[in-house]
Amino acid sequence: MTKPYIPPEAGLKPITDRDRKASPLAGACFALFIVIGLFSTLYATSFGKLNLFPKGIAWSPFLQGDVSQAFALALADAPVPSSAARVERGVSWVVAGDLGPRVRRGAPGWLFLGDELTVHRQPQRNATQRKVDVLKVQKTLSAKGIKLLVVVVPDKTRIEASQLGMLHRPSRYAQRASQWVTDLNSSGIDALDLTDTLAAFKQKHTAAFLKSDSHWTEQGAQAAAIAVSAEVLRLKITPSPAQTWVVDKRIDSRRSGDLIRLAGVDWLPTGLQPEQDIAQETSFKVDNRKNNAPGFSAQSVVSTSTDDLFGDTDLPNIVVIGTSYSRTSNFVAFIEKELNAKVANLARSGGDFSGAMNAYLSSVAFKKTPPKLVIWEIPERVLQQSASKDSIQ
């Protein structure tokens, strides 16, 4: 008896004889990929190139899933997965113009950080917790006679809104930075929102931020440094040690932005990558003629870092704590130039809200050589992020 013909379900391709012949090869390739990945991971782990448990193993974090989460994140850095991910990112960009989940394309040539456009759960609660943390820091600093100046860096998507193209910045973010700074001021905390400064600069110039980078241009950083320096003087802080900086030279050079690296396509040939910036780079030198004038104390040209804070007899009385904004485009160097003094730069790239501040408050530099003023630079995008794992300890 002949069986009735039953057509395949709509949308499903029937298995052909060629599929059956090719399946062993596909299975063998997949098995080979798994084996190579396993042995490369074991090799990297054995020789200390990969730590699968960067935060250690403890019972409480294990029950909360933190250990397995850290394991999964570490496993993504294993040789085979990381290489496969790099290839996938490059192919996705070249073929489909896709830059992954964290980088967004705006107007032609412009890239933006997706974090700036993310709508967070319980935003006001998170912002309030950030304020509580700032009050906690102020209390700790005040106990040592240290003043605090909070500086909020507005989002690139705010200042360069005209370059967003098809991207949409939530309207609820219109007052995010200004309202938070106002709340700090009303609580007795000196705080400065750089939105007006950078917006005014943007109106007079082409851009305040780099196209392929999440940070400001040197010109934008200089405008911000001038505003911050004016606020320092308003607080009646006398910067020391005195040192006059002058511009040595300025050049324009090609700069591969951090958004290109974040998208994972920086390994591609330059011609296949997103458009890179031509950015100004300034180098400074000490004006010894002014430093040798009567009453002026000459100092070393070397910039101040954490290591410089010990053993010196003439330490900077101003410290900058913050993120990569304070480490790029000569932001702190421009502050030094405006104040005619050395400034300690203890910012940390990727520090978000609390990274650099937690490190500083637990350091010997803070305990043994407290300054007169701490400038705390905070990016706007972190103000409403969850504070569960990014708070002041």
Protein backbone atom coordinates (compact mmCIF):
# COMPACT_ATOMS: atom_id res chain seq x y z
CA MET A 1 0.00 0.00 0.00
CA THR A 2 1.43 3.34 -1.04
CA LYS A 3 1.87 5.87 1.75
CA PRO A 4 0.18 9.20 1.10
CA TYR A 5 2.52 12.10 0.32
CA ILE A 6 2.78 14.55 3.20
CA PRO A 7 4.31 17.87 2.11
CA PRO A 8 6.93 19.42 4.39
CA GLU A 9 5.87 22.17 6.73
CA ALA A 10 5.93 25.64 5.27
CA GLY A 11 9.32 27.28 5.57
CA LEU A 12 11.21 24.02 6.21
CA LYS A 13 13.63 22.66 3.64
CA PRO A 14 13.45 18.90 3.21
CA ILE A 15 16.67 16.96 3.94
CA THR A 16 18.34 15.95 0.70
CA ASP A 17 20.81 13.20 -0.10
CA ARG A 18 23.55 15.84 -0.38
CA ASP A 19 22.75 17.02 3.16
CA ARG A 20 23.11 13.49 4.48
CA LYS A 21 26.50 13.09 2.78
CA ALA A 22 27.77 16.46 4.01
CA SER A 23 26.61 16.09 7.62
CA PRO A 24 29.56 13.88 8.74
CA LEU A 25 32.00 16.50 7.44
CA ALA A 26 30.12 19.28 9.24
CA GLY A 27 30.10 17.25 12.43
CA ALA A 28 33.82 16.51 12.13
CA CYS A 29 34.61 20.22 11.61
CA PHE A 30 32.51 21.17 14.63
CA ALA A 31 34.16 18.49 16.78
CA LEU A 32 37.61 19.67 15.64
CA PHE A 33 36.69 23.24 16.56
CA ILE A 34 35.61 22.12 20.03
CA VAL A 35 38.80 20.09 20.57
CA ILE A 36 41.07 22.92 19.42
CA GLY A 37 39.18 25.36 21.63
CA LEU A 38 39.45 23.05 24.64
CA PHE A 39 43.19 22.45 24.31
CA SER A 40 43.99 26.10 23.55
CA THR A 41 42.04 27.13 26.67
CA LEU A 42 43.83 24.55 28.82
CA TYR A 43 47.17 25.70 27.42
CA ALA A 44 46.44 29.39 28.10
CA THR A 45 45.22 28.55 31.61
CA SER A 46 48.24 26.35 32.42
CA PHE A 47 50.73 29.06 31.47
CA GLY A 48 48.94 31.86 33.29
CA LYS A 49 47.70 33.62 30.16
CA LEU A 50 44.04 33.06 31.08
CA ASN A 51 42.39 33.17 34.52
CA LEU A 52 39.01 31.44 34.44
CA PHE A 53 38.15 32.59 37.97
CA PRO A 54 39.48 36.18 38.19
CA LYS A 55 37.47 36.90 41.35
CA GLY A 56 38.24 33.57 43.02
CA ILE A 57 35.74 30.97 44.20
CA ALA A 58 33.67 31.52 47.32
CA TRP A 59 30.41 29.98 48.51
CA SER A 60 28.31 33.16 48.67
CA PRO A 61 29.24 34.49 45.17
CA PHE A 62 28.77 30.94 43.83
CA LEU A 63 25.18 30.82 45.09
CA GLN A 64 24.48 34.27 43.61
CA GLY A 65 25.82 33.23 40.21
CA ASP A 66 28.76 35.67 40.28
CA VAL A 67 31.33 32.89 39.91
CA SER A 68 29.67 31.36 36.85
CA GLN A 69 29.23 34.82 35.32
CA ALA A 70 32.92 35.65 35.82
CA PHE A 71 33.84 32.22 34.40
CA ALA A 72 31.76 32.85 31.27
CA LEU A 73 33.30 36.30 30.76
CA ALA A 74 36.82 34.91 31.23
CA LEU A 75 36.12 32.03 28.85
CA ALA A 76 35.23 34.54 26.14
CA ASP A 77 38.87 35.69 26.27
CA ALA A 78 40.18 32.19 25.50
CA PRO A 79 42.24 32.04 22.27
CA VAL A 80 39.70 30.37 19.96
CA PRO A 81 36.54 32.21 21.09
CA SER A 82 38.28 35.58 21.07
CA SER A 83 39.75 34.98 17.61
CA ALA A 84 36.42 33.77 16.28
CA ALA A 85 34.70 36.83 17.76
CA ARG A 86 37.23 39.16 16.11
CA VAL A 87 36.65 37.55 12.73
CA GLU A 88 32.88 37.73 13.18
CA ARG A 89 33.04 41.42 14.11
CA GLY A 90 35.20 42.24 11.11
CA VAL A 91 33.00 40.33 8.66
CA SER A 92 29.82 41.86 10.12
CA TRP A 93 31.22 45.37 9.66
CA VAL A 94 32.55 44.84 6.13
CA VAL A 95 29.47 42.96 4.87
CA ALA A 96 26.60 44.53 6.81
CA GLY A 97 28.04 47.71 8.37
CA ASP A 98 27.30 46.34 11.86
CA LEU A 99 29.52 47.46 14.77
CA GLY A 100 28.12 45.26 17.50
CA PRO A 101 25.92 45.96 20.52
CA ARG A 102 27.90 48.79 22.14
CA VAL A 103 28.74 51.09 19.22
CA ARG A 104 26.13 53.02 17.23
CA ARG A 105 26.49 54.70 13.83
CA GLY A 106 25.20 58.23 13.51
CA ALA A 107 25.72 60.65 10.62
CA PRO A 108 28.35 59.58 8.05
CA GLY A 109 31.71 59.16 9.81
CA TRP A 110 30.27 59.56 13.33
CA LEU A 111 30.24 56.78 15.95
CA PHE A 112 28.62 56.91 19.39
CA LEU A 113 28.75 54.85 22.56
CA GLY A 114 25.55 52.86 22.99
CA ASP A 115 25.73 53.24 26.79
CA GLU A 116 24.82 56.92 26.43
CA LEU A 117 21.48 55.97 24.83
CA THR A 118 20.58 53.14 27.22
CA VAL A 119 17.48 53.63 29.36
CA HIS A 120 18.19 52.20 32.83
CA ARG A 121 15.78 50.70 35.33
CA GLN A 122 14.97 52.93 38.31
CA PRO A 123 17.02 55.86 36.96
CA GLN A 124 16.06 58.31 39.71
CA ARG A 125 16.83 55.81 42.43
CA ASN A 126 20.24 55.17 40.90
CA ALA A 127 20.95 58.91 40.55
CA THR A 128 20.00 59.41 44.20
CA GLN A 129 22.39 56.66 45.23
CA ARG A 130 25.16 58.38 43.26
CA LYS A 131 24.42 61.56 45.19
CA VAL A 132 24.59 59.64 48.49
CA ASP A 133 27.99 58.28 47.46
CA VAL A 134 29.25 61.78 46.66
CA LEU A 135 28.09 62.99 50.08
CA LYS A 136 29.96 60.06 51.62
CA VAL A 137 33.13 61.04 49.77
CA GLN A 138 32.75 64.68 50.75
CA LYS A 139 32.45 63.72 54.41
CA THR A 140 35.58 61.56 54.19
CA LEU A 141 37.56 64.31 52.49
CA SER A 142 36.32 67.05 54.82
CA ALA A 143 37.60 65.06 57.79
CA LYS A 144 41.09 65.67 56.39
CA GLY A 145 40.46 69.30 55.46
CA ILE A 146 40.13 68.53 51.74
CA LYS A 147 37.67 70.32 49.47
CA LEU A 148 35.76 68.45 46.75
CA LEU A 149 34.82 69.70 43.30
CA VAL A 150 32.61 67.41 41.21
CA VAL A 151 32.83 67.90 37.44
CA VAL A 152 30.24 66.24 35.18
CA VAL A 153 31.24 65.60 31.56
CA PRO A 154 28.14 65.62 29.30
CA ASP A 155 27.47 62.82 26.84
CA LYS A 156 28.87 63.02 23.35
CA THR A 157 25.33 62.26 22.12
CA ARG A 158 24.16 65.43 23.92
CA ILE A 159 26.79 67.85 22.62
CA GLU A 160 27.01 66.34 19.12
CA ALA A 161 23.24 65.74 18.81
CA SER A 162 23.28 67.19 15.29
CA GLN A 163 25.42 64.23 14.19
CA LEU A 164 23.16 61.47 15.56
CA GLY A 165 21.60 60.77 12.17
CA MET A 166 18.92 58.11 12.64
CA LEU A 167 19.84 57.52 16.29
CA HIS A 168 17.43 58.69 18.98
CA ARG A 169 18.48 60.15 22.31
CA PRO A 170 15.71 59.69 24.93
CA SER A 171 14.01 62.99 25.76
CA ARG A 172 14.04 62.04 29.45
CA TYR A 173 17.80 62.69 29.39
CA ALA A 174 17.36 66.39 28.64
CA GLN A 175 17.91 67.43 32.28
CA ARG A 176 19.87 64.40 33.48
CA ALA A 177 23.21 66.14 34.05
CA SER A 178 21.97 69.60 35.06
CA GLN A 179 19.40 68.28 37.55
CA TRP A 180 21.94 66.01 39.25
CA VAL A 181 24.45 68.85 39.55
CA THR A 182 21.73 71.15 40.91
CA ASP A 183 20.87 68.53 43.54
CA LEU A 184 24.53 68.35 44.57
CA ASN A 185 24.81 72.13 44.82
CA SER A 186 21.68 72.30 46.96
CA SER A 187 23.28 69.73 49.29
CA GLY A 188 26.34 71.90 49.79
CA ILE A 189 28.61 70.15 47.28
CA ASP A 190 30.59 72.21 44.78
CA ALA A 191 29.71 70.74 41.37
CA LEU A 192 30.17 71.92 37.80
CA ASP A 193 28.21 70.77 34.74
CA LEU A 194 30.32 71.22 31.59
CA THR A 195 27.31 71.05 29.26
CA ASP A 196 27.03 74.81 28.71
CA THR A 197 30.79 75.13 28.24
CA LEU A 198 31.02 72.43 25.58
CA ALA A 199 27.76 73.43 23.92
CA ALA A 200 29.04 77.01 23.55
CA PHE A 201 32.32 75.70 22.18
CA LYS A 202 30.42 73.52 19.71
CA GLN A 203 28.49 76.55 18.45
CA LYS A 204 31.71 78.38 17.58
CA HIS A 205 33.71 75.44 16.25
CA THR A 206 33.20 72.30 14.19
CA ALA A 207 33.03 69.76 17.02
CA ALA A 208 33.82 69.30 20.71
CA PHE A 209 34.13 65.51 20.46
CA LEU A 210 36.04 63.18 18.16
CA LYS A 211 34.13 61.31 15.44
CA SER A 212 35.39 57.77 16.05
CA ASP A 213 36.14 58.18 19.75
CA SER A 214 33.93 58.60 22.82
CA HIS A 215 36.12 61.44 24.15
CA TRP A 216 36.48 65.13 23.50
CA THR A 217 38.85 66.80 21.07
CA GLU A 218 41.87 68.63 22.46
CA GLN A 219 40.12 71.90 21.77
CA GLY A 220 37.03 70.71 23.65
CA ALA A 221 39.20 69.44 26.52
CA GLN A 222 40.94 72.82 26.70
CA ALA A 223 37.60 74.65 26.91
CA ALA A 224 36.56 72.30 29.72
CA ALA A 225 39.90 72.81 31.51
CA ILE A 226 39.48 76.60 31.41
CA ALA A 227 36.03 76.30 33.03
CA VAL A 228 37.31 73.90 35.70
CA SER A 229 40.33 76.12 36.46
CA ALA A 230 38.07 79.14 36.91
CA GLU A 231 35.98 77.13 39.38
CA VAL A 232 39.13 76.13 41.30
CA LEU A 233 40.10 79.78 41.71
CA ARG A 234 36.54 80.64 42.73
CA LEU A 235 36.93 78.16 45.59
CA LYS A 236 39.94 80.23 46.70
CA ILE A 237 42.38 77.36 46.28
CA THR A 238 45.96 78.50 45.72
CA PRO A 239 47.48 75.84 43.41
CA SER A 240 50.96 74.62 44.25
CA PRO A 241 53.71 73.90 43.46
CA ALA A 242 53.85 76.80 41.02
CA GLN A 243 55.05 75.89 37.54
CA THR A 244 54.49 77.66 34.23
CA TRP A 245 53.66 75.49 31.24
CA VAL A 246 53.82 76.67 27.64
CA VAL A 247 52.95 74.95 24.39
CA ASP A 248 56.00 73.28 22.87
CA LYS A 249 54.44 72.18 19.58
CA ARG A 250 51.14 71.17 18.01
CA ILE A 251 50.66 68.60 15.27
CA ASP A 252 47.70 67.01 13.54
CA SER A 253 47.85 63.23 13.34
CA ARG A 254 45.59 60.31 12.53
CA ARG A 255 43.89 58.85 15.60
CA SER A 256 42.11 55.50 15.73
CA GLY A 257 39.20 56.04 18.12
CA ASP A 258 38.32 53.86 21.09
CA LEU A 259 34.91 53.15 19.52
CA ILE A 260 36.65 51.38 16.65
CA ARG A 261 38.49 49.23 19.18
CA LEU A 262 35.31 48.66 21.20
CA ALA A 263 33.55 47.47 18.05
CA GLY A 264 36.35 44.93 17.55
CA VAL A 265 37.31 46.03 14.03
CA ASP A 266 40.61 47.76 14.78
CA TRP A 267 42.51 44.70 13.47
CA LEU A 268 41.21 45.29 9.94
CA PRO A 269 43.33 47.21 7.41
CA THR A 270 42.87 50.95 7.86
CA GLY A 271 40.98 51.22 4.59
CA LEU A 272 38.32 48.78 5.82
CA GLN A 273 37.88 50.35 9.27
CA PRO A 274 35.43 53.16 10.05
CA GLU A 275 36.80 56.61 9.28
CA GLN A 276 39.55 57.67 11.68
CA ASP A 277 39.96 61.16 13.13
CA ILE A 278 42.62 63.68 12.29
CA ALA A 279 43.21 65.05 15.78
CA GLN A 280 45.34 67.81 17.24
CA GLU A 281 48.10 66.69 19.62
CA THR A 282 49.84 69.25 21.85
CA SER A 283 53.04 68.82 23.82
CA PHE A 284 54.02 71.14 26.65
CA LYS A 285 57.24 72.29 28.27
CA VAL A 286 58.14 74.27 31.37
CA ASP A 287 58.88 77.95 30.83
CA ASN A 288 62.11 78.17 32.81
CA ARG A 289 62.38 81.92 32.26
CA LYS A 290 59.29 82.48 34.39
CA ASN A 291 60.15 79.67 36.77
CA ASN A 292 63.52 81.25 37.53
CA ALA A 293 61.98 84.65 38.26
CA PRO A 294 62.18 85.93 41.86
CA GLY A 295 59.68 84.21 44.12
CA PHE A 296 58.92 81.42 41.64
CA SER A 297 59.77 77.81 42.52
CA ALA A 298 61.10 75.79 39.57
CA GLN A 299 59.92 72.20 39.34
CA SER A 300 60.55 69.10 37.27
CA VAL A 301 58.95 68.76 33.85
CA VAL A 302 57.80 65.23 34.63
CA SER A 303 54.00 64.89 35.00
CA THR A 304 52.72 63.84 38.38
CA SER A 305 51.43 60.28 38.81
CA THR A 306 50.78 57.98 41.74
CA ASP A 307 54.47 57.08 42.04
CA ASP A 308 55.45 60.76 42.20
CA LEU A 309 53.40 61.33 45.35
CA PHE A 310 55.96 59.77 47.67
CA GLY A 311 59.32 61.16 48.63
CA ASP A 312 58.72 64.60 47.08
CA THR A 313 59.11 67.64 49.27
CA ASP A 314 56.81 69.79 47.16
CA LEU A 315 53.67 67.82 46.30
CA PRO A 316 50.72 69.03 44.19
CA ASN A 317 47.87 70.21 46.38
CA ILE A 318 45.28 69.46 43.66
CA VAL A 319 44.39 65.91 42.62
CA VAL A 320 42.20 64.87 39.68
CA ILE A 321 40.19 61.67 40.14
CA GLY A 322 38.14 60.43 37.22
CA THR A 323 37.91 58.36 34.07
CA SER A 324 39.59 58.25 30.68
CA TYR A 325 38.28 61.77 29.98
CA SER A 326 40.96 62.99 32.37
CA ARG A 327 43.57 60.86 30.64
CA THR A 328 42.92 61.92 27.05
CA SER A 329 43.31 65.05 24.93
CA ASN A 330 45.58 66.71 27.53
CA PHE A 331 42.66 67.70 29.79
CA VAL A 332 44.76 67.75 32.99
CA ALA A 333 47.72 69.30 31.17
CA PHE A 334 45.49 72.20 30.12
CA ILE A 335 44.37 72.60 33.75
CA GLU A 336 48.04 72.77 34.79
CA LYS A 337 48.65 75.40 32.12
CA GLU A 338 45.69 77.50 33.29
CA LEU A 339 46.58 77.25 36.98
CA ASN A 340 50.35 77.58 36.45
CA ALA A 341 50.88 74.65 38.80
CA LYS A 342 51.44 70.91 38.86
CA VAL A 343 48.34 68.76 39.25
CA ALA A 344 48.29 65.08 40.21
CA ASN A 345 46.36 62.98 37.69
CA LEU A 346 45.06 59.81 39.35
CA ALA A 347 42.23 59.10 36.90
CA ARG A 348 41.63 55.56 35.67
CA SER A 349 40.50 54.49 32.21
CA GLY A 350 37.31 52.47 32.56
CA GLY A 351 36.87 53.70 36.13
CA ASP A 352 33.23 54.68 35.54
CA PHE A 353 31.80 56.29 38.69
CA SER A 354 33.72 54.82 41.60
CA GLY A 355 36.81 53.03 40.25
CA ALA A 356 39.40 55.78 40.62
CA MET A 357 37.86 57.23 43.79
CA ASN A 358 37.78 53.88 45.62
CA ALA A 359 41.41 53.28 44.66
CA TYR A 360 42.44 56.74 45.85
CA LEU A 361 40.62 56.63 49.19
CA SER A 362 42.33 53.34 50.04
CA SER A 363 45.78 54.51 48.90
CA VAL A 364 48.74 55.58 50.99
CA ALA A 365 48.82 58.83 48.97
CA PHE A 366 45.46 59.87 50.42
CA LYS A 367 46.29 58.76 53.96
CA LYS A 368 49.79 60.22 54.18
CA THR A 369 49.81 63.19 51.78
CA PRO A 370 46.29 64.67 51.55
CA PRO A 371 45.86 67.54 49.05
CA LYS A 372 43.83 70.73 49.42
CA LEU A 373 41.39 69.93 46.61
CA VAL A 374 40.11 66.80 44.86
CA ILE A 375 38.53 67.28 41.43
CA TRP A 376 36.22 64.34 40.73
CA GLU A 377 35.41 64.03 37.03
CA ILE A 378 32.28 61.94 36.33
CA PRO A 379 30.76 61.10 32.90
CA GLU A 380 27.06 61.86 32.54
CA ARG A 381 26.28 58.38 31.21
CA VAL A 382 27.02 56.72 34.59
CA LEU A 383 24.70 58.94 36.66
CA GLN A 384 21.65 56.71 36.27
CA GLN A 385 23.39 53.36 35.88
CA SER A 386 22.80 50.75 38.57
CA ALA A 387 25.10 51.41 41.50
CA SER A 388 25.06 47.80 42.78
CA LYS A 389 28.60 47.05 41.57
CA ASP A 390 29.90 50.58 41.05
CA SER A 391 29.57 52.37 44.36
CA ILE A 392 31.89 53.95 46.92
CA GLN A 393 33.25 51.37 49.32
